[in-house]
Amino acid sequence: MKELLETLAKALVDKPDEVEVSAVEGEKSVILQLKVAPDDVGKVIGKQGRIAKALRTIVKASSVKEGKKAVVEIID
């Protein structure tokens, strides 16, 4: 899941070198924290949060295979 989110985020931003994804694992859930360059935050969130919602949906779908709940947080 971490690699998936990182790959998707790098495709969206202008500065792919600055994309960082960290995972905080719990017993039944994983929190993925996505950090991008300050200029790229808008590109990752999208208009009215549509891109962020799509990223969350994709990661959530892939987390079902692992039997865990995934939460994506965009931090700056």
N, C-alpha and C. Protein backbone atom coordinates (compact mmCIF):
# COMPACT_ATOMS: atom_id res chain seq x y z
N MET A 1 0.82 -1.20 0.00
CA MET A 1 0.00 0.00 0.00
C MET A 1 0.87 1.26 0.00
N LYS A 2 1.93 1.22 0.79
CA LYS A 2 2.82 2.37 0.89
C LYS A 2 3.44 2.69 -0.46
N GLU A 3 3.91 1.65 -1.15
CA GLU A 3 4.54 1.84 -2.46
C GLU A 3 3.53 2.33 -3.48
N LEU A 4 2.30 1.82 -3.40
CA LEU A 4 1.25 2.23 -4.32
C LEU A 4 0.96 3.72 -4.18
N LEU A 5 0.79 4.17 -2.95
CA LEU A 5 0.51 5.59 -2.70
C LEU A 5 1.68 6.46 -3.15
N GLU A 6 2.89 6.01 -2.90
CA GLU A 6 4.07 6.77 -3.29
C GLU A 6 4.16 6.89 -4.81
N THR A 7 3.90 5.81 -5.53
CA THR A 7 3.94 5.82 -6.99
C THR A 7 2.89 6.76 -7.57
N LEU A 8 1.67 6.69 -7.03
CA LEU A 8 0.59 7.55 -7.52
C LEU A 8 0.90 9.02 -7.24
N ALA A 9 1.41 9.32 -6.05
CA ALA A 9 1.70 10.71 -5.69
C ALA A 9 2.83 11.27 -6.55
N LYS A 10 3.85 10.47 -6.83
CA LYS A 10 4.97 10.93 -7.65
C LYS A 10 4.53 11.26 -9.07
N ALA A 11 3.51 10.55 -9.56
CA ALA A 11 3.00 10.81 -10.90
C ALA A 11 2.22 12.13 -10.97
N LEU A 12 1.71 12.58 -9.82
CA LEU A 12 0.87 13.78 -9.80
C LEU A 12 1.65 15.08 -9.61
N VAL A 13 2.78 15.03 -8.93
CA VAL A 13 3.46 16.26 -8.50
C VAL A 13 4.57 16.70 -9.45
N ASP A 14 5.01 17.95 -9.27
CA ASP A 14 6.12 18.49 -10.07
C ASP A 14 7.47 18.11 -9.48
N LYS A 15 7.52 17.88 -8.18
CA LYS A 15 8.79 17.54 -7.51
C LYS A 15 8.67 16.14 -6.88
N PRO A 16 8.81 15.10 -7.71
CA PRO A 16 8.64 13.73 -7.18
C PRO A 16 9.71 13.33 -6.16
N ASP A 17 10.84 14.02 -6.15
CA ASP A 17 11.90 13.69 -5.19
C ASP A 17 11.47 13.99 -3.75
N GLU A 18 10.55 14.93 -3.59
CA GLU A 18 10.15 15.35 -2.25
C GLU A 18 8.93 14.61 -1.70
N VAL A 19 8.47 13.58 -2.41
CA VAL A 19 7.33 12.79 -1.94
C VAL A 19 7.82 11.80 -0.90
N GLU A 20 7.18 11.82 0.26
CA GLU A 20 7.51 10.89 1.34
C GLU A 20 6.22 10.26 1.85
N VAL A 21 6.26 8.96 2.04
CA VAL A 21 5.11 8.25 2.61
C VAL A 21 5.61 7.48 3.83
N SER A 22 4.99 7.74 4.96
CA SER A 22 5.34 6.98 6.16
C SER A 22 4.09 6.24 6.64
N ALA A 23 4.31 5.05 7.18
CA ALA A 23 3.19 4.21 7.61
C ALA A 23 3.24 4.01 9.12
N VAL A 24 2.09 4.21 9.75
CA VAL A 24 1.94 3.93 11.18
C VAL A 24 0.97 2.76 11.27
N GLU A 25 1.50 1.60 11.64
CA GLU A 25 0.69 0.39 11.63
C GLU A 25 0.07 0.11 12.99
N GLY A 26 -1.19 -0.19 12.96
CA GLY A 26 -1.91 -0.61 14.16
C GLY A 26 -2.26 -2.08 14.03
N GLU A 27 -3.10 -2.56 14.93
CA GLU A 27 -3.47 -3.97 14.90
C GLU A 27 -4.32 -4.30 13.67
N LYS A 28 -5.32 -3.47 13.42
CA LYS A 28 -6.21 -3.74 12.29
C LYS A 28 -6.24 -2.61 11.27
N SER A 29 -5.38 -1.62 11.45
CA SER A 29 -5.41 -0.49 10.52
C SER A 29 -4.00 0.03 10.24
N VAL A 30 -3.89 0.77 9.16
CA VAL A 30 -2.63 1.40 8.78
C VAL A 30 -2.93 2.85 8.45
N ILE A 31 -2.15 3.76 9.01
CA ILE A 31 -2.28 5.18 8.67
C ILE A 31 -1.10 5.54 7.79
N LEU A 32 -1.39 5.95 6.56
CA LEU A 32 -0.35 6.35 5.62
C LEU A 32 -0.30 7.87 5.58
N GLN A 33 0.84 8.42 5.92
CA GLN A 33 1.01 9.88 5.92
C GLN A 33 1.77 10.27 4.67
N LEU A 34 1.14 11.07 3.83
CA LEU A 34 1.74 11.51 2.58
C LEU A 34 2.23 12.94 2.74
N LYS A 35 3.51 13.14 2.49
CA LYS A 35 4.10 14.46 2.58
C LYS A 35 4.68 14.82 1.22
N VAL A 36 4.31 16.00 0.71
CA VAL A 36 4.81 16.49 -0.58
C VAL A 36 5.34 17.91 -0.40
N ALA A 37 5.97 18.44 -1.44
CA ALA A 37 6.47 19.81 -1.40
C ALA A 37 5.30 20.77 -1.23
N PRO A 38 5.53 21.90 -0.56
CA PRO A 38 4.43 22.87 -0.33
C PRO A 38 3.74 23.32 -1.62
N ASP A 39 4.48 23.42 -2.71
CA ASP A 39 3.88 23.84 -3.99
C ASP A 39 2.95 22.76 -4.58
N ASP A 40 3.17 21.50 -4.19
CA ASP A 40 2.43 20.39 -4.78
C ASP A 40 1.23 19.93 -3.98
N VAL A 41 0.99 20.53 -2.83
CA VAL A 41 -0.13 20.10 -1.98
C VAL A 41 -1.45 20.23 -2.73
N GLY A 42 -1.63 21.31 -3.44
CA GLY A 42 -2.86 21.53 -4.20
C GLY A 42 -3.08 20.49 -5.28
N LYS A 43 -2.00 20.03 -5.89
CA LYS A 43 -2.11 19.02 -6.94
C LYS A 43 -2.54 17.68 -6.37
N VAL A 44 -2.09 17.37 -5.17
CA VAL A 44 -2.44 16.09 -4.55
C VAL A 44 -3.87 16.13 -4.01
N ILE A 45 -4.32 17.30 -3.56
CA ILE A 45 -5.68 17.41 -3.03
C ILE A 45 -6.69 17.54 -4.17
N GLY A 46 -6.39 18.36 -5.16
CA GLY A 46 -7.29 18.53 -6.30
C GLY A 46 -8.44 19.46 -6.00
N LYS A 47 -9.21 19.77 -7.03
CA LYS A 47 -10.36 20.64 -6.85
C LYS A 47 -11.42 19.93 -6.02
N GLN A 48 -11.85 20.59 -4.97
CA GLN A 48 -12.85 20.08 -4.03
C GLN A 48 -12.44 18.72 -3.46
N GLY A 49 -11.14 18.45 -3.42
CA GLY A 49 -10.64 17.22 -2.80
C GLY A 49 -10.84 15.96 -3.61
N ARG A 50 -11.08 16.11 -4.90
CA ARG A 50 -11.39 14.93 -5.72
C ARG A 50 -10.21 13.99 -5.87
N ILE A 51 -9.02 14.52 -6.08
CA ILE A 51 -7.85 13.66 -6.26
C ILE A 51 -7.52 12.97 -4.94
N ALA A 52 -7.60 13.69 -3.83
CA ALA A 52 -7.35 13.09 -2.52
C ALA A 52 -8.34 11.96 -2.26
N LYS A 53 -9.59 12.17 -2.62
CA LYS A 53 -10.61 11.15 -2.43
C LYS A 53 -10.32 9.93 -3.30
N ALA A 54 -9.87 10.15 -4.53
CA ALA A 54 -9.54 9.04 -5.43
C ALA A 54 -8.35 8.25 -4.89
N LEU A 55 -7.33 8.96 -4.38
CA LEU A 55 -6.17 8.28 -3.79
C LEU A 55 -6.59 7.42 -2.61
N ARG A 56 -7.45 7.97 -1.77
CA ARG A 56 -7.93 7.22 -0.59
C ARG A 56 -8.71 5.98 -1.02
N THR A 57 -9.52 6.12 -2.06
CA THR A 57 -10.31 4.99 -2.54
C THR A 57 -9.42 3.88 -3.07
N ILE A 58 -8.40 4.23 -3.85
CA ILE A 58 -7.49 3.23 -4.41
C ILE A 58 -6.73 2.50 -3.31
N VAL A 59 -6.22 3.27 -2.35
CA VAL A 59 -5.46 2.66 -1.25
C VAL A 59 -6.37 1.78 -0.39
N LYS A 60 -7.58 2.25 -0.16
CA LYS A 60 -8.54 1.47 0.63
C LYS A 60 -8.86 0.14 -0.06
N ALA A 61 -9.01 0.17 -1.38
CA ALA A 61 -9.30 -1.05 -2.13
C ALA A 61 -8.12 -2.02 -2.06
N SER A 62 -6.91 -1.52 -2.10
CA SER A 62 -5.75 -2.42 -2.02
C SER A 62 -5.54 -2.95 -0.61
N SER A 63 -6.02 -2.22 0.39
CA SER A 63 -5.85 -2.67 1.77
C SER A 63 -6.77 -3.83 2.11
N VAL A 64 -7.83 -4.00 1.36
CA VAL A 64 -8.76 -5.09 1.61
C VAL A 64 -8.05 -6.44 1.43
N LYS A 65 -7.12 -6.50 0.48
CA LYS A 65 -6.38 -7.74 0.25
C LYS A 65 -5.56 -8.13 1.48
N GLU A 66 -5.06 -7.15 2.20
CA GLU A 66 -4.23 -7.42 3.38
C GLU A 66 -5.08 -7.57 4.64
N GLY A 67 -6.37 -7.34 4.53
CA GLY A 67 -7.26 -7.51 5.67
C GLY A 67 -7.13 -6.39 6.70
N LYS A 68 -6.68 -5.23 6.27
CA LYS A 68 -6.53 -4.09 7.18
C LYS A 68 -7.28 -2.90 6.61
N LYS A 69 -7.57 -1.94 7.48
CA LYS A 69 -8.20 -0.70 7.06
C LYS A 69 -7.11 0.33 6.87
N ALA A 70 -7.13 1.03 5.75
CA ALA A 70 -6.10 2.02 5.46
C ALA A 70 -6.69 3.43 5.50
N VAL A 71 -5.94 4.35 6.10
CA VAL A 71 -6.33 5.75 6.17
C VAL A 71 -5.19 6.56 5.57
N VAL A 72 -5.51 7.47 4.65
CA VAL A 72 -4.48 8.31 4.03
C VAL A 72 -4.62 9.73 4.59
N GLU A 73 -3.51 10.25 5.13
CA GLU A 73 -3.48 11.62 5.61
C GLU A 73 -2.48 12.39 4.77
N ILE A 74 -2.87 13.59 4.34
CA ILE A 74 -1.97 14.45 3.59
C ILE A 74 -1.46 15.51 4.56
N ILE A 75 -0.16 15.50 4.82
CA ILE A 75 0.42 16.44 5.75
C ILE A 75 1.36 17.38 5.02
N ASP A 76 1.55 18.57 5.57
CA ASP A 76 2.45 19.53 4.93
C ASP A 76 3.46 20.06 5.89
